[in-house]
C-alpha atoms as a PDB file:
ATOM      1  CA  MET A   1      35.968 177.451 199.602  1.00  0.00           C
ATOM      2  CA  ILE A   2      39.493 176.147 200.075  1.00  0.00           C
ATOM      3  CA  PHE A   3      38.769 173.118 197.710  1.00  0.00           C
ATOM      4  CA  ILE A   4      37.794 176.139 194.856  1.00  0.00           C
ATOM      5  CA  SER A   5      41.063 178.016 195.434  1.00  0.00           C
ATOM      6  CA  LEU A   6      42.676 174.955 195.326  1.00  0.00           C
ATOM      7  CA  THR A   7      41.113 173.738 191.850  1.00  0.00           C
ATOM      8  CA  ALA A   8      41.771 177.347 190.565  1.00  0.00           C
ATOM      9  CA  LEU A   9      45.434 177.040 191.535  1.00  0.00           C
ATOM     10  CA  SER A  10      45.766 173.765 190.024  1.00  0.00           C
ATOM     11  CA  SER A  11      43.848 174.912 186.776  1.00  0.00           C
ATOM     12  CA  ALA A  12      46.045 177.939 186.727  1.00  0.00           C
ATOM     13  CA  CYS A  13      49.172 175.737 186.808  1.00  0.00           C
ATOM     14  CA  LYS A  14      48.210 173.302 184.221  1.00  0.00           C
ATOM     15  CA  VAL A  15      47.487 176.356 181.885  1.00  0.00           C
ATOM     16  CA  LYS A  16      50.648 177.830 182.385  1.00  0.00           C
ATOM     17  CA  ASP A  17      52.616 174.695 182.123  1.00  0.00           C
ATOM     18  CA  SER A  18      50.657 173.977 178.864  1.00  0.00           C
ATOM     19  CA  ILE A  19      51.568 177.596 177.741  1.00  0.00           C
ATOM     20  CA  GLU A  20      55.265 176.722 178.697  1.00  0.00           C
ATOM     21  CA  ASP A  21      55.017 173.711 176.809  1.00  0.00           C
ATOM     22  CA  ASP A  22      53.897 175.119 173.633  1.00  0.00           C
ATOM     23  CA  LEU A  23      56.319 178.168 173.844  1.00  0.00           C
ATOM     24  CA  PHE A  24      59.118 175.362 173.950  1.00  0.00           C
ATOM     25  CA  GLY A  25      57.567 173.082 171.526  1.00  0.00           C
ATOM     26  CA  CYS A  26      57.117 170.326 174.100  1.00  0.00           C
ATOM     27  CA  ASN A  27      53.646 169.891 174.018  1.00  0.00           C
ATOM     28  CA  GLY A  28      53.171 166.062 172.927  1.00  0.00           C
ATOM     29  CA  TYR A  29      56.392 165.528 172.617  1.00  0.00           C
ATOM     30  CA  ASP A  30      56.592 162.082 174.143  1.00  0.00           C
ATOM     31  CA  THR A  31      53.760 161.117 171.603  1.00  0.00           C
ATOM     32  CA  GLU A  32      55.959 162.380 168.749  1.00  0.00           C
ATOM     33  CA  ILE A  33      58.646 160.408 169.525  1.00  0.00           C
ATOM     34  CA  ASN A  34      56.962 157.341 169.856  1.00  0.00           C
ATOM     35  CA  SER A  35      55.585 157.795 166.609  1.00  0.00           C
ATOM     36  CA  LEU A  36      58.662 158.470 165.162  1.00  0.00           C
ATOM     37  CA  LEU A  37      59.953 155.362 166.785  1.00  0.00           C
ATOM     38  CA  GLU A  38      57.222 153.412 164.962  1.00  0.00           C
ATOM     39  CA  GLU A  39      57.958 154.717 161.561  1.00  0.00           C
ATOM     40  CA  LEU A  40      61.645 153.895 162.245  1.00  0.00           C
ATOM     41  CA  THR A  41      60.825 150.233 163.089  1.00  0.00           C
ATOM     42  CA  ALA A  42      58.463 149.915 160.114  1.00  0.00           C
ATOM     43  CA  ALA A  43      61.434 150.904 157.806  1.00  0.00           C
ATOM     44  CA  GLN A  44      63.747 148.752 159.577  1.00  0.00           C
ATOM     45  CA  THR A  45      61.725 145.753 159.294  1.00  0.00           C
ATOM     46  CA  ALA A  46      60.716 146.552 155.567  1.00  0.00           C
ATOM     47  CA  TYR A  47      64.711 146.589 154.923  1.00  0.00           C
ATOM     48  CA  THR A  48      65.600 143.397 156.743  1.00  0.00           C
ATOM     49  CA  ASN A  49      62.742 141.578 155.165  1.00  0.00           C
ATOM     50  CA  ASP A  50      63.646 142.953 151.801  1.00  0.00           C
ATOM     51  CA  PRO A  51      67.231 144.549 151.530  1.00  0.00           C
ATOM     52  CA  THR A  52      66.995 146.344 148.356  1.00  0.00           C
ATOM     53  CA  THR A  53      68.164 150.137 147.557  1.00  0.00           C
ATOM     54  CA  SER A  54      64.906 151.239 147.953  1.00  0.00           C
ATOM     55  CA  THR A  55      64.076 149.808 151.196  1.00  0.00           C
ATOM     56  CA  CYS A  56      67.488 150.766 152.415  1.00  0.00           C
ATOM     57  CA  ASN A  57      66.842 154.242 151.382  1.00  0.00           C
ATOM     58  CA  SER A  58      63.490 154.410 153.189  1.00  0.00           C
ATOM     59  CA  TYR A  59      65.325 153.203 156.304  1.00  0.00           C
ATOM     60  CA  VAL A  60      67.959 155.707 156.141  1.00  0.00           C
ATOM     61  CA  SER A  61      65.359 158.384 155.348  1.00  0.00           C
ATOM     62  CA  ALA A  62      63.606 157.057 158.804  1.00  0.00           C
ATOM     63  CA  MET A  63      66.757 157.019 160.811  1.00  0.00           C
ATOM     64  CA  ASP A  64      67.830 160.518 159.619  1.00  0.00           C
ATOM     65  CA  THR A  65      64.092 162.154 160.366  1.00  0.00           C
ATOM     66  CA  TYR A  66      64.055 160.128 163.945  1.00  0.00           C
ATOM     67  CA  VAL A  67      67.735 161.524 164.821  1.00  0.00           C
ATOM     68  CA  THR A  68      66.952 164.885 163.551  1.00  0.00           C
ATOM     69  CA  GLU A  69      63.532 165.159 165.207  1.00  0.00           C
ATOM     70  CA  VAL A  70      64.384 163.634 168.551  1.00  0.00           C
ATOM     71  CA  TYR A  71      67.342 166.132 168.887  1.00  0.00           C
ATOM     72  CA  GLU A  72      64.886 169.003 168.582  1.00  0.00           C
ATOM     73  CA  TYR A  73      63.092 167.482 171.672  1.00  0.00           C
ATOM     74  CA  LEU A  74      66.166 167.245 174.002  1.00  0.00           C
ATOM     75  CA  ASP A  75      65.228 170.205 175.955  1.00  0.00           C
ATOM     76  CA  CYS A  76      61.816 168.648 176.709  1.00  0.00           C
ATOM     77  CA  ILE A  77      63.296 165.426 177.956  1.00  0.00           C
ATOM     78  CA  PRO A  78      63.693 165.332 181.786  1.00  0.00           C
ATOM     79  CA  GLY A  79      66.512 164.582 183.919  1.00  0.00           C
ATOM     80  CA  ALA A  80      68.552 161.793 183.585  1.00  0.00           C
ATOM     81  CA  GLN A  81      66.635 160.462 180.611  1.00  0.00           C
ATOM     82  CA  LYS A  82      67.899 163.229 178.516  1.00  0.00           C
ATOM     83  CA  GLN A  83      71.437 161.813 178.742  1.00  0.00           C
ATOM     84  CA  ALA A  84      70.307 158.525 177.771  1.00  0.00           C
ATOM     85  CA  TYR A  85      68.664 160.072 174.803  1.00  0.00           C
ATOM     86  CA  ARG A  86      71.624 161.927 173.648  1.00  0.00           C
ATOM     87  CA  ASP A  87      73.967 158.984 173.960  1.00  0.00           C
ATOM     88  CA  GLY A  88      71.440 156.866 172.022  1.00  0.00           C
ATOM     89  CA  LEU A  89      71.083 159.586 169.111  1.00  0.00           C
ATOM     90  CA  ASP A  90      74.978 159.567 169.126  1.00  0.00           C
ATOM     91  CA  GLN A  91      74.650 155.859 168.542  1.00  0.00           C
ATOM     92  CA  TRP A  92      72.005 156.181 165.772  1.00  0.00           C
ATOM     93  CA  ASN A  93      74.405 158.913 164.079  1.00  0.00           C
ATOM     94  CA  THR A  94      76.779 156.274 163.929  1.00  0.00           C
ATOM     95  CA  SER A  95      74.575 153.672 162.474  1.00  0.00           C
ATOM     96  CA  LEU A  96      73.026 156.040 160.083  1.00  0.00           C
ATOM     97  CA  ASP A  97      76.281 156.745 158.430  1.00  0.00           C
ATOM     98  CA  GLU A  98      77.107 153.086 158.293  1.00  0.00           C
ATOM     99  CA  THR A  99      73.477 152.286 156.988  1.00  0.00           C
ATOM    100  CA  ARG A 100      74.084 154.852 154.221  1.00  0.00           C
ATOM    101  CA  ASP A 101      77.176 153.315 153.072  1.00  0.00           C
ATOM    102  CA  SER A 102      75.468 150.119 153.035  1.00  0.00           C
ATOM    103  CA  CYS A 103      72.494 151.471 150.926  1.00  0.00           C
ATOM    104  CA  ASP A 104      75.312 152.932 148.231  1.00  0.00           C
ATOM    105  CA  ALA A 105      76.904 149.197 148.157  1.00  0.00           C
ATOM    106  CA  LEU A 106      73.544 147.700 147.194  1.00  0.00           C
END
């Protein structure tokens, strides 16, 4: 009987957490961030291997998307990791501006 009650409570908490995640747009945020990072890495590799205006612009676009999307997920990131992400995004913004200037110079 106690096991059933604890299981029901646990299930209710998971449903509540899932609903809150959906309300705040946090459901699956870590998977989305990893996906964005993979896209960014692919664009960076393409630009490194073939530094043309086209690959540079694709890299800038991927950087811009990554920064914009991850900023939207900052409230989902727990504890001290949030500040680390915020600091990293600030660095990415600087790099984004520099890379955009590099594309213009090609």
